[in-house]
Amino acid sequence: MQNISIEELKSRLDAGENVNLLDVREDHERADFNIGGKHVPVGKIQTMQLDDIEDWKDQEIVVYCRSGNRSGIAAMFLEQMGYKNPKNLVGGMLAWQDKYAK
């Protein structure tokens, strides 16, 4: 599994790059703050309910959560299920908010 920094992701989004974002947090966490993308809670990934992202199998997917822990687990699951390029957002939304949402 690969990692991506909040700085690299922010730079790519600011440049208008189309990035496949996957938020694996719970509904209430997403309601508080999010940077977009598809929402599939980590529990659904663990039970392989992945219809929403099936077409991303051969593409880069940036997986994020609150702190980077659950997204790391989710990225490993995706890799084990044959997804070619999942990346974990290091530090998650806590780091993002700390640096960019002030």
PDB file of N, CA and C in Angstrom:
ATOM      1  N   MET A   1       0.840  -1.188   0.000  1.00  0.00           N
ATOM      2  CA  MET A   1       0.000   0.000   0.000  1.00  0.00           C
ATOM      3  C   MET A   1       0.878   1.243   0.000  1.00  0.00           C
ATOM      4  N   GLN A   2       0.461   2.199  -0.781  1.00  0.00           N
ATOM      5  CA  GLN A   2       1.187   3.463  -0.859  1.00  0.00           C
ATOM      6  C   GLN A   2       0.474   4.520  -0.029  1.00  0.00           C
ATOM      7  N   ASN A   3       1.213   5.532   0.333  1.00  0.00           N
ATOM      8  CA  ASN A   3       0.659   6.683   1.044  1.00  0.00           C
ATOM      9  C   ASN A   3       0.717   7.917   0.163  1.00  0.00           C
ATOM     10  N   ILE A   4      -0.122   8.887   0.495  1.00  0.00           N
ATOM     11  CA  ILE A   4      -0.081  10.197  -0.147  1.00  0.00           C
ATOM     12  C   ILE A   4      -0.230  11.237   0.960  1.00  0.00           C
ATOM     13  N   SER A   5       0.507  12.317   0.845  1.00  0.00           N
ATOM     14  CA  SER A   5       0.453  13.369   1.862  1.00  0.00           C
ATOM     15  C   SER A   5      -0.716  14.315   1.585  1.00  0.00           C
ATOM     16  N   ILE A   6      -1.130  15.018   2.618  1.00  0.00           N
ATOM     17  CA  ILE A   6      -2.194  16.007   2.427  1.00  0.00           C
ATOM     18  C   ILE A   6      -1.722  17.115   1.490  1.00  0.00           C
ATOM     19  N   GLU A   7      -0.438  17.452   1.552  1.00  0.00           N
ATOM     20  CA  GLU A   7       0.102  18.505   0.689  1.00  0.00           C
ATOM     21  C   GLU A   7       0.042  18.107  -0.782  1.00  0.00           C
ATOM     22  N   GLU A   8       0.421  16.863  -1.078  1.00  0.00           N
ATOM     23  CA  GLU A   8       0.384  16.408  -2.472  1.00  0.00           C
ATOM     24  C   GLU A   8      -1.056  16.365  -2.978  1.00  0.00           C
ATOM     25  N   LEU A   9      -1.964  15.834  -2.168  1.00  0.00           N
ATOM     26  CA  LEU A   9      -3.356  15.760  -2.598  1.00  0.00           C
ATOM     27  C   LEU A   9      -3.939  17.151  -2.798  1.00  0.00           C
ATOM     28  N   LYS A  10      -3.691  18.063  -1.885  1.00  0.00           N
ATOM     29  CA  LYS A  10      -4.211  19.432  -1.996  1.00  0.00           C
ATOM     30  C   LYS A  10      -3.693  20.092  -3.268  1.00  0.00           C
ATOM     31  N   SER A  11      -2.430  19.909  -3.554  1.00  0.00           N
ATOM     32  CA  SER A  11      -1.823  20.478  -4.755  1.00  0.00           C
ATOM     33  C   SER A  11      -2.497  19.927  -6.020  1.00  0.00           C
ATOM     34  N   ARG A  12      -2.738  18.650  -6.044  1.00  0.00           N
ATOM     35  CA  ARG A  12      -3.377  18.033  -7.205  1.00  0.00           C
ATOM     36  C   ARG A  12      -4.821  18.505  -7.360  1.00  0.00           C
ATOM     37  N   LEU A  13      -5.550  18.600  -6.257  1.00  0.00           N
ATOM     38  CA  LEU A  13      -6.929  19.086  -6.326  1.00  0.00           C
ATOM     39  C   LEU A  13      -6.970  20.550  -6.762  1.00  0.00           C
ATOM     40  N   ASP A  14      -6.066  21.356  -6.216  1.00  0.00           N
ATOM     41  CA  ASP A  14      -6.005  22.776  -6.594  1.00  0.00           C
ATOM     42  C   ASP A  14      -5.680  22.962  -8.070  1.00  0.00           C
ATOM     43  N   ALA A  15      -4.924  22.019  -8.631  1.00  0.00           N
ATOM     44  CA  ALA A  15      -4.563  22.076 -10.051  1.00  0.00           C
ATOM     45  C   ALA A  15      -5.699  21.586 -10.953  1.00  0.00           C
ATOM     46  N   GLY A  16      -6.792  21.155 -10.329  1.00  0.00           N
ATOM     47  CA  GLY A  16      -7.944  20.703 -11.102  1.00  0.00           C
ATOM     48  C   GLY A  16      -7.875  19.254 -11.552  1.00  0.00           C
ATOM     49  N   GLU A  17      -6.930  18.520 -11.007  1.00  0.00           N
ATOM     50  CA  GLU A  17      -6.791  17.115 -11.378  1.00  0.00           C
ATOM     51  C   GLU A  17      -7.994  16.317 -10.876  1.00  0.00           C
ATOM     52  N   ASN A  18      -8.463  15.406 -11.683  1.00  0.00           N
ATOM     53  CA  ASN A  18      -9.567  14.535 -11.295  1.00  0.00           C
ATOM     54  C   ASN A  18      -8.998  13.387 -10.462  1.00  0.00           C
ATOM     55  N   VAL A  19      -9.288  13.388  -9.171  1.00  0.00           N
ATOM     56  CA  VAL A  19      -8.760  12.385  -8.250  1.00  0.00           C
ATOM     57  C   VAL A  19      -9.932  11.579  -7.700  1.00  0.00           C
ATOM     58  N   ASN A  20      -9.799  10.257  -7.730  1.00  0.00           N
ATOM     59  CA  ASN A  20     -10.818   9.392  -7.135  1.00  0.00           C
ATOM     60  C   ASN A  20     -10.635   9.398  -5.620  1.00  0.00           C
ATOM     61  N   LEU A  21     -11.531  10.093  -4.925  1.00  0.00           N
ATOM     62  CA  LEU A  21     -11.483  10.182  -3.474  1.00  0.00           C
ATOM     63  C   LEU A  21     -12.483   9.207  -2.874  1.00  0.00           C
ATOM     64  N   LEU A  22     -12.055   8.509  -1.837  1.00  0.00           N
ATOM     65  CA  LEU A  22     -12.923   7.564  -1.146  1.00  0.00           C
ATOM     66  C   LEU A  22     -12.883   7.846   0.349  1.00  0.00           C
ATOM     67  N   ASP A  23     -14.001   8.313   0.882  1.00  0.00           N
ATOM     68  CA  ASP A  23     -14.149   8.626   2.309  1.00  0.00           C
ATOM     69  C   ASP A  23     -14.684   7.383   3.002  1.00  0.00           C
ATOM     70  N   VAL A  24     -13.915   6.819   3.944  1.00  0.00           N
ATOM     71  CA  VAL A  24     -14.321   5.589   4.623  1.00  0.00           C
ATOM     72  C   VAL A  24     -14.796   5.835   6.052  1.00  0.00           C
ATOM     73  N   ARG A  25     -15.079   7.085   6.377  1.00  0.00           N
ATOM     74  CA  ARG A  25     -15.568   7.410   7.723  1.00  0.00           C
ATOM     75  C   ARG A  25     -17.052   7.088   7.854  1.00  0.00           C
ATOM     76  N   GLU A  26     -17.553   7.215   9.063  1.00  0.00           N
ATOM     77  CA  GLU A  26     -18.977   7.027   9.323  1.00  0.00           C
ATOM     78  C   GLU A  26     -19.743   8.270   8.879  1.00  0.00           C
ATOM     79  N   ASP A  27     -21.058   8.123   8.711  1.00  0.00           N
ATOM     80  CA  ASP A  27     -21.908   9.212   8.217  1.00  0.00           C
ATOM     81  C   ASP A  27     -21.745  10.504   9.018  1.00  0.00           C
ATOM     82  N   HIS A  28     -21.762  10.401  10.356  1.00  0.00           N
ATOM     83  CA  HIS A  28     -21.693  11.605  11.190  1.00  0.00           C
ATOM     84  C   HIS A  28     -20.352  12.325  11.043  1.00  0.00           C
ATOM     85  N   GLU A  29     -19.283  11.578  10.812  1.00  0.00           N
ATOM     86  CA  GLU A  29     -17.974  12.204  10.614  1.00  0.00           C
ATOM     87  C   GLU A  29     -17.939  12.955   9.285  1.00  0.00           C
ATOM     88  N   ARG A  30     -18.508  12.356   8.268  1.00  0.00           N
ATOM     89  CA  ARG A  30     -18.549  12.984   6.947  1.00  0.00           C
ATOM     90  C   ARG A  30     -19.389  14.251   6.984  1.00  0.00           C
ATOM     91  N   ALA A  31     -20.470  14.232   7.763  1.00  0.00           N
ATOM     92  CA  ALA A  31     -21.349  15.398   7.862  1.00  0.00           C
ATOM     93  C   ALA A  31     -20.616  16.587   8.487  1.00  0.00           C
ATOM     94  N   ASP A  32     -19.675  16.312   9.386  1.00  0.00           N
ATOM     95  CA  ASP A  32     -18.927  17.383  10.049  1.00  0.00           C
ATOM     96  C   ASP A  32     -17.986  18.109   9.097  1.00  0.00           C
ATOM     97  N   PHE A  33     -17.269  17.353   8.261  1.00  0.00           N
ATOM     98  CA  PHE A  33     -16.291  17.940   7.342  1.00  0.00           C
ATOM     99  C   PHE A  33     -15.859  16.881   6.340  1.00  0.00           C
ATOM    100  N   ASN A  34     -15.793  17.249   5.060  1.00  0.00           N
ATOM    101  CA  ASN A  34     -15.249  16.325   4.071  1.00  0.00           C
ATOM    102  C   ASN A  34     -14.701  17.096   2.882  1.00  0.00           C
ATOM    103  N   ILE A  35     -13.900  16.413   2.092  1.00  0.00           N
ATOM    104  CA  ILE A  35     -13.299  17.040   0.918  1.00  0.00           C
ATOM    105  C   ILE A  35     -13.880  16.465  -0.372  1.00  0.00           C
ATOM    106  N   GLY A  36     -14.986  15.764  -0.247  1.00  0.00           N
ATOM    107  CA  GLY A  36     -15.654  15.226  -1.429  1.00  0.00           C
ATOM    108  C   GLY A  36     -15.360  13.764  -1.647  1.00  0.00           C
ATOM    109  N   GLY A  37     -15.699  13.308  -2.818  1.00  0.00           N
ATOM    110  CA  GLY A  37     -15.480  11.921  -3.174  1.00  0.00           C
ATOM    111  C   GLY A  37     -16.653  11.031  -2.811  1.00  0.00           C
ATOM    112  N   LYS A  38     -16.467   9.770  -3.088  1.00  0.00           N
ATOM    113  CA  LYS A  38     -17.500   8.785  -2.756  1.00  0.00           C
ATOM    114  C   LYS A  38     -17.373   8.390  -1.297  1.00  0.00           C
ATOM    115  N   HIS A  39     -18.504   7.996  -0.730  1.00  0.00           N
ATOM    116  CA  HIS A  39     -18.540   7.625   0.676  1.00  0.00           C
ATOM    117  C   HIS A  39     -18.916   6.158   0.805  1.00  0.00           C
ATOM    118  N   VAL A  40     -17.976   5.362   1.282  1.00  0.00           N
ATOM    119  CA  VAL A  40     -18.214   3.955   1.571  1.00  0.00           C
ATOM    120  C   VAL A  40     -17.553   3.688   2.928  1.00  0.00           C
ATOM    121  N   PRO A  41     -18.336   3.632   4.017  1.00  0.00           N
ATOM    122  CA  PRO A  41     -17.737   3.387   5.337  1.00  0.00           C
ATOM    123  C   PRO A  41     -16.874   2.123   5.336  1.00  0.00           C
ATOM    124  N   VAL A  42     -15.841   2.140   6.149  1.00  0.00           N
ATOM    125  CA  VAL A  42     -14.865   1.053   6.166  1.00  0.00           C
ATOM    126  C   VAL A  42     -15.528  -0.303   6.406  1.00  0.00           C
ATOM    127  N   GLY A  43     -16.604  -0.350   7.164  1.00  0.00           N
ATOM    128  CA  GLY A  43     -17.304  -1.615   7.405  1.00  0.00           C
ATOM    129  C   GLY A  43     -17.847  -2.226   6.129  1.00  0.00           C
ATOM    130  N   LYS A  44     -18.285  -1.392   5.202  1.00  0.00           N
ATOM    131  CA  LYS A  44     -18.792  -1.908   3.925  1.00  0.00           C
ATOM    132  C   LYS A  44     -17.646  -2.429   3.067  1.00  0.00           C
ATOM    133  N   ILE A  45     -16.497  -1.801   3.175  1.00  0.00           N
ATOM    134  CA  ILE A  45     -15.331  -2.291   2.424  1.00  0.00           C
ATOM    135  C   ILE A  45     -14.928  -3.655   2.968  1.00  0.00           C
ATOM    136  N   GLN A  46     -14.937  -3.793   4.284  1.00  0.00           N
ATOM    137  CA  GLN A  46     -14.555  -5.064   4.892  1.00  0.00           C
ATOM    138  C   GLN A  46     -15.533  -6.186   4.545  1.00  0.00           C
ATOM    139  N   THR A  47     -16.775  -5.830   4.253  1.00  0.00           N
ATOM    140  CA  THR A  47     -17.753  -6.853   3.852  1.00  0.00           C
ATOM    141  C   THR A  47     -17.927  -6.876   2.341  1.00  0.00           C
ATOM    142  N   MET A  48     -17.036  -6.211   1.640  1.00  0.00           N
ATOM    143  CA  MET A  48     -16.942  -6.211   0.178  1.00  0.00           C
ATOM    144  C   MET A  48     -18.185  -5.673  -0.521  1.00  0.00           C
ATOM    145  N   GLN A  49     -18.802  -4.665   0.041  1.00  0.00           N
ATOM    146  CA  GLN A  49     -19.923  -3.990  -0.607  1.00  0.00           C
ATOM    147  C   GLN A  49     -19.372  -2.802  -1.391  1.00  0.00           C
ATOM    148  N   LEU A  50     -18.847  -3.081  -2.561  1.00  0.00           N
ATOM    149  CA  LEU A  50     -18.056  -2.090  -3.296  1.00  0.00           C
ATOM    150  C   LEU A  50     -18.655  -1.695  -4.639  1.00  0.00           C
ATOM    151  N   ASP A  51     -19.948  -1.835  -4.803  1.00  0.00           N
ATOM    152  CA  ASP A  51     -20.575  -1.502  -6.079  1.00  0.00           C
ATOM    153  C   ASP A  51     -20.265  -0.071  -6.522  1.00  0.00           C
ATOM    154  N   ASP A  52     -20.196   0.869  -5.571  1.00  0.00           N
ATOM    155  CA  ASP A  52     -19.980   2.276  -5.897  1.00  0.00           C
ATOM    156  C   ASP A  52     -18.613   2.563  -6.512  1.00  0.00           C
ATOM    157  N   ILE A  53     -17.651   1.698  -6.267  1.00  0.00           N
ATOM    158  CA  ILE A  53     -16.295   1.964  -6.756  1.00  0.00           C
ATOM    159  C   ILE A  53     -15.743   0.850  -7.639  1.00  0.00           C
ATOM    160  N   GLU A  54     -16.581  -0.030  -8.095  1.00  0.00           N
ATOM    161  CA  GLU A  54     -16.135  -1.150  -8.939  1.00  0.00           C
ATOM    162  C   GLU A  54     -15.371  -0.657 -10.172  1.00  0.00           C
ATOM    163  N   ASP A  55     -15.810   0.465 -10.740  1.00  0.00           N
ATOM    164  CA  ASP A  55     -15.162   0.982 -11.958  1.00  0.00           C
ATOM    165  C   ASP A  55     -13.803   1.635 -11.673  1.00  0.00           C
ATOM    166  N   TRP A  56     -13.400   1.729 -10.422  1.00  0.00           N
ATOM    167  CA  TRP A  56     -12.101   2.303 -10.061  1.00  0.00           C
ATOM    168  C   TRP A  56     -11.013   1.238  -9.906  1.00  0.00           C
ATOM    169  N   LYS A  57     -11.307   0.010 -10.206  1.00  0.00           N
ATOM    170  CA  LYS A  57     -10.398  -1.106  -9.913  1.00  0.00           C
ATOM    171  C   LYS A  57      -8.989  -0.899 -10.467  1.00  0.00           C
ATOM    172  N   ASP A  58      -8.875  -0.305 -11.651  1.00  0.00           N
ATOM    173  CA  ASP A  58      -7.562  -0.124 -12.275  1.00  0.00           C
ATOM    174  C   ASP A  58      -7.027   1.301 -12.130  1.00  0.00           C
ATOM    175  N   GLN A  59      -7.694   2.122 -11.335  1.00  0.00           N
ATOM    176  CA  GLN A  59      -7.305   3.526 -11.198  1.00  0.00           C
ATOM    177  C   GLN A  59      -6.754   3.819  -9.799  1.00  0.00           C
ATOM    178  N   GLU A  60      -6.103   4.961  -9.687  1.00  0.00           N
ATOM    179  CA  GLU A  60      -5.666   5.429  -8.378  1.00  0.00           C
ATOM    180  C   GLU A  60      -6.894   5.811  -7.549  1.00  0.00           C
ATOM    181  N   ILE A  61      -6.882   5.413  -6.279  1.00  0.00           N
ATOM    182  CA  ILE A  61      -7.938   5.783  -5.338  1.00  0.00           C
ATOM    183  C   ILE A  61      -7.251   6.343  -4.095  1.00  0.00           C
ATOM    184  N   VAL A  62      -7.583   7.578  -3.731  1.00  0.00           N
ATOM    185  CA  VAL A  62      -7.064   8.157  -2.495  1.00  0.00           C
ATOM    186  C   VAL A  62      -8.116   7.920  -1.420  1.00  0.00           C
ATOM    187  N   VAL A  63      -7.742   7.110  -0.436  1.00  0.00           N
ATOM    188  CA  VAL A  63      -8.647   6.716   0.634  1.00  0.00           C
ATOM    189  C   VAL A  63      -8.370   7.583   1.854  1.00  0.00           C
ATOM    190  N   TYR A  64      -9.445   8.153   2.438  1.00  0.00           N
ATOM    191  CA  TYR A  64      -9.225   8.985   3.623  1.00  0.00           C
ATOM    192  C   TYR A  64     -10.238   8.711   4.719  1.00  0.00           C
ATOM    193  N   CYS A  65      -9.809   9.022   5.946  1.00  0.00           N
ATOM    194  CA  CYS A  65     -10.661   8.886   7.128  1.00  0.00           C
ATOM    195  C   CYS A  65     -10.318  10.032   8.074  1.00  0.00           C
ATOM    196  N   ARG A  66     -10.616   9.872   9.323  1.00  0.00           N
ATOM    197  CA  ARG A  66     -10.372  10.932  10.304  1.00  0.00           C
ATOM    198  C   ARG A  66      -8.878  11.165  10.529  1.00  0.00           C
ATOM    199  N   SER A  67      -8.119  10.063  10.743  1.00  0.00           N
ATOM    200  CA  SER A  67      -6.711  10.224  11.104  1.00  0.00           C
ATOM    201  C   SER A  67      -5.729   9.469  10.211  1.00  0.00           C
ATOM    202  N   GLY A  68      -6.233   8.635   9.338  1.00  0.00           N
ATOM    203  CA  GLY A  68      -5.357   7.852   8.469  1.00  0.00           C
ATOM    204  C   GLY A  68      -5.261   6.389   8.855  1.00  0.00           C
ATOM    205  N   ASN A  69      -5.820   6.014  10.008  1.00  0.00           N
ATOM    206  CA  ASN A  69      -5.745   4.616  10.434  1.00  0.00           C
ATOM    207  C   ASN A  69      -6.734   3.729   9.685  1.00  0.00           C
ATOM    208  N   ARG A  70      -8.017   4.075   9.734  1.00  0.00           N
ATOM    209  CA  ARG A  70      -9.032   3.262   9.043  1.00  0.00           C
ATOM    210  C   ARG A  70      -8.806   3.267   7.534  1.00  0.00           C
ATOM    211  N   SER A  71      -8.373   4.412   6.995  1.00  0.00           N
ATOM    212  CA  SER A  71      -8.134   4.465   5.551  1.00  0.00           C
ATOM    213  C   SER A  71      -6.952   3.580   5.158  1.00  0.00           C
ATOM    214  N   GLY A  72      -5.978   3.447   6.032  1.00  0.00           N
ATOM    215  CA  GLY A  72      -4.871   2.530   5.763  1.00  0.00           C
ATOM    216  C   GLY A  72      -5.354   1.090   5.707  1.00  0.00           C
ATOM    217  N   ILE A  73      -6.219   0.731   6.639  1.00  0.00           N
ATOM    218  CA  ILE A  73      -6.807  -0.609   6.647  1.00  0.00           C
ATOM    219  C   ILE A  73      -7.645  -0.818   5.391  1.00  0.00           C
ATOM    220  N   ALA A  74      -8.468   0.182   5.056  1.00  0.00           N
ATOM    221  CA  ALA A  74      -9.321   0.080   3.867  1.00  0.00           C
ATOM    222  C   ALA A  74      -8.481  -0.048   2.604  1.00  0.00           C
ATOM    223  N   ALA A  75      -7.397   0.714   2.505  1.00  0.00           N
ATOM    224  CA  ALA A  75      -6.530   0.637   1.322  1.00  0.00           C
ATOM    225  C   ALA A  75      -5.914  -0.761   1.196  1.00  0.00           C
ATOM    226  N   MET A  76      -5.530  -1.359   2.324  1.00  0.00           N
ATOM    227  CA  MET A  76      -4.987  -2.718   2.278  1.00  0.00           C
ATOM    228  C   MET A  76      -6.052  -3.723   1.827  1.00  0.00           C
ATOM    229  N   PHE A  77      -7.275  -3.579   2.328  1.00  0.00           N
ATOM    230  CA  PHE A  77      -8.371  -4.441   1.886  1.00  0.00           C
ATOM    231  C   PHE A  77      -8.584  -4.308   0.383  1.00  0.00           C
ATOM    232  N   LEU A  78      -8.617  -3.065  -0.099  1.00  0.00           N
ATOM    233  CA  LEU A  78      -8.821  -2.837  -1.531  1.00  0.00           C
ATOM    234  C   LEU A  78      -7.731  -3.520  -2.350  1.00  0.00           C
ATOM    235  N   GLU A  79      -6.501  -3.390  -1.884  1.00  0.00           N
ATOM    236  CA  GLU A  79      -5.381  -4.031  -2.574  1.00  0.00           C
ATOM    237  C   GLU A  79      -5.568  -5.550  -2.622  1.00  0.00           C
ATOM    238  N   GLN A  80      -5.977  -6.119  -1.502  1.00  0.00           N
ATOM    239  CA  GLN A  80      -6.197  -7.565  -1.435  1.00  0.00           C
ATOM    240  C   GLN A  80      -7.341  -8.010  -2.349  1.00  0.00           C
ATOM    241  N   MET A  81      -8.284  -7.103  -2.620  1.00  0.00           N
ATOM    242  CA  MET A  81      -9.414  -7.424  -3.482  1.00  0.00           C
ATOM    243  C   MET A  81      -9.137  -7.117  -4.951  1.00  0.00           C
ATOM    244  N   GLY A  82      -7.885  -6.779  -5.274  1.00  0.00           N
ATOM    245  CA  GLY A  82      -7.507  -6.604  -6.663  1.00  0.00           C
ATOM    246  C   GLY A  82      -7.511  -5.176  -7.171  1.00  0.00           C
ATOM    247  N   TYR A  83      -7.754  -4.207  -6.307  1.00  0.00           N
ATOM    248  CA  TYR A  83      -7.660  -2.808  -6.731  1.00  0.00           C
ATOM    249  C   TYR A  83      -6.178  -2.483  -6.912  1.00  0.00           C
ATOM    250  N   LYS A  84      -5.857  -1.866  -8.037  1.00  0.00           N
ATOM    251  CA  LYS A  84      -4.462  -1.718  -8.452  1.00  0.00           C
ATOM    252  C   LYS A  84      -3.684  -0.619  -7.734  1.00  0.00           C
ATOM    253  N   ASN A  85      -4.355   0.494  -7.341  1.00  0.00           N
ATOM    254  CA  ASN A  85      -3.586   1.631  -6.859  1.00  0.00           C
ATOM    255  C   ASN A  85      -4.284   2.419  -5.748  1.00  0.00           C
ATOM    256  N   PRO A  86      -4.630   1.753  -4.632  1.00  0.00           N
ATOM    257  CA  PRO A  86      -5.186   2.524  -3.512  1.00  0.00           C
ATOM    258  C   PRO A  86      -4.068   3.219  -2.741  1.00  0.00           C
ATOM    259  N   LYS A  87      -4.333   4.448  -2.321  1.00  0.00           N
ATOM    260  CA  LYS A  87      -3.359   5.208  -1.537  1.00  0.00           C
ATOM    261  C   LYS A  87      -4.030   5.738  -0.282  1.00  0.00           C
ATOM    262  N   ASN A  88      -3.326   5.644   0.820  1.00  0.00           N
ATOM    263  CA  ASN A  88      -3.814   6.125   2.099  1.00  0.00           C
ATOM    264  C   ASN A  88      -3.416   7.590   2.295  1.00  0.00           C
ATOM    265  N   LEU A  89      -4.387   8.441   2.651  1.00  0.00           N
ATOM    266  CA  LEU A  89      -4.084   9.842   2.944  1.00  0.00           C
ATOM    267  C   LEU A  89      -3.546   9.927   4.369  1.00  0.00           C
ATOM    268  N   VAL A  90      -2.261  10.180   4.486  1.00  0.00           N
ATOM    269  CA  VAL A  90      -1.587  10.218   5.784  1.00  0.00           C
ATOM    270  C   VAL A  90      -2.118  11.385   6.623  1.00  0.00           C
ATOM    271  N   GLY A  91      -2.548  11.089   7.826  1.00  0.00           N
ATOM    272  CA  GLY A  91      -3.039  12.116   8.741  1.00  0.00           C
ATOM    273  C   GLY A  91      -4.522  12.393   8.613  1.00  0.00           C
ATOM    274  N   GLY A  92      -5.125  11.972   7.509  1.00  0.00           N
ATOM    275  CA  GLY A  92      -6.563  12.095   7.309  1.00  0.00           C
ATOM    276  C   GLY A  92      -7.102  13.514   7.444  1.00  0.00           C
ATOM    277  N   MET A  93      -8.368  13.598   7.798  1.00  0.00           N
ATOM    278  CA  MET A  93      -9.049  14.889   7.883  1.00  0.00           C
ATOM    279  C   MET A  93      -8.572  15.729   9.066  1.00  0.00           C
ATOM    280  N   LEU A  94      -8.033  15.087  10.090  1.00  0.00           N
ATOM    281  CA  LEU A  94      -7.470  15.879  11.201  1.00  0.00           C
ATOM    282  C   LEU A  94      -6.304  16.731  10.696  1.00  0.00           C
ATOM    283  N   ALA A  95      -5.405  16.112   9.954  1.00  0.00           N
ATOM    284  CA  ALA A  95      -4.251  16.847   9.416  1.00  0.00           C
ATOM    285  C   ALA A  95      -4.703  17.883   8.387  1.00  0.00           C
ATOM    286  N   TRP A  96      -5.671  17.509   7.553  1.00  0.00           N
ATOM    287  CA  TRP A  96      -6.185  18.427   6.523  1.00  0.00           C
ATOM    288  C   TRP A  96      -6.783  19.672   7.182  1.00  0.00           C
ATOM    289  N   GLN A  97      -7.634  19.456   8.153  1.00  0.00           N
ATOM    290  CA  GLN A  97      -8.270  20.596   8.819  1.00  0.00           C
ATOM    291  C   GLN A  97      -7.250  21.447   9.558  1.00  0.00           C
ATOM    292  N   ASP A  98      -6.285  20.800  10.168  1.00  0.00           N
ATOM    293  CA  ASP A  98      -5.258  21.532  10.914  1.00  0.00           C
ATOM    294  C   ASP A  98      -4.470  22.457   9.999  1.00  0.00           C
ATOM    295  N   LYS A  99      -4.206  22.004   8.771  1.00  0.00           N
ATOM    296  CA  LYS A  99      -3.378  22.790   7.860  1.00  0.00           C
ATOM    297  C   LYS A  99      -4.190  23.715   6.944  1.00  0.00           C
ATOM    298  N   TYR A 100      -5.364  23.271   6.473  1.00  0.00           N
ATOM    299  CA  TYR A 100      -6.060  24.002   5.421  1.00  0.00           C
ATOM    300  C   TYR A 100      -7.406  24.594   5.790  1.00  0.00           C
ATOM    301  N   ALA A 101      -7.976  24.217   6.899  1.00  0.00           N
ATOM    302  CA  ALA A 101      -9.333  24.688   7.220  1.00  0.00           C
ATOM    303  C   ALA A 101      -9.338  25.721   8.335  1.00  0.00           C
ATOM    304  N   LYS A 102      -8.338  26.556   8.336  1.00  0.00           N
ATOM    305  CA  LYS A 102      -8.251  27.579   9.398  1.00  0.00           C
ATOM    306  C   LYS A 102      -8.846  28.883   8.916  1.00  0.00           C
TER     307      LYS A 102
END
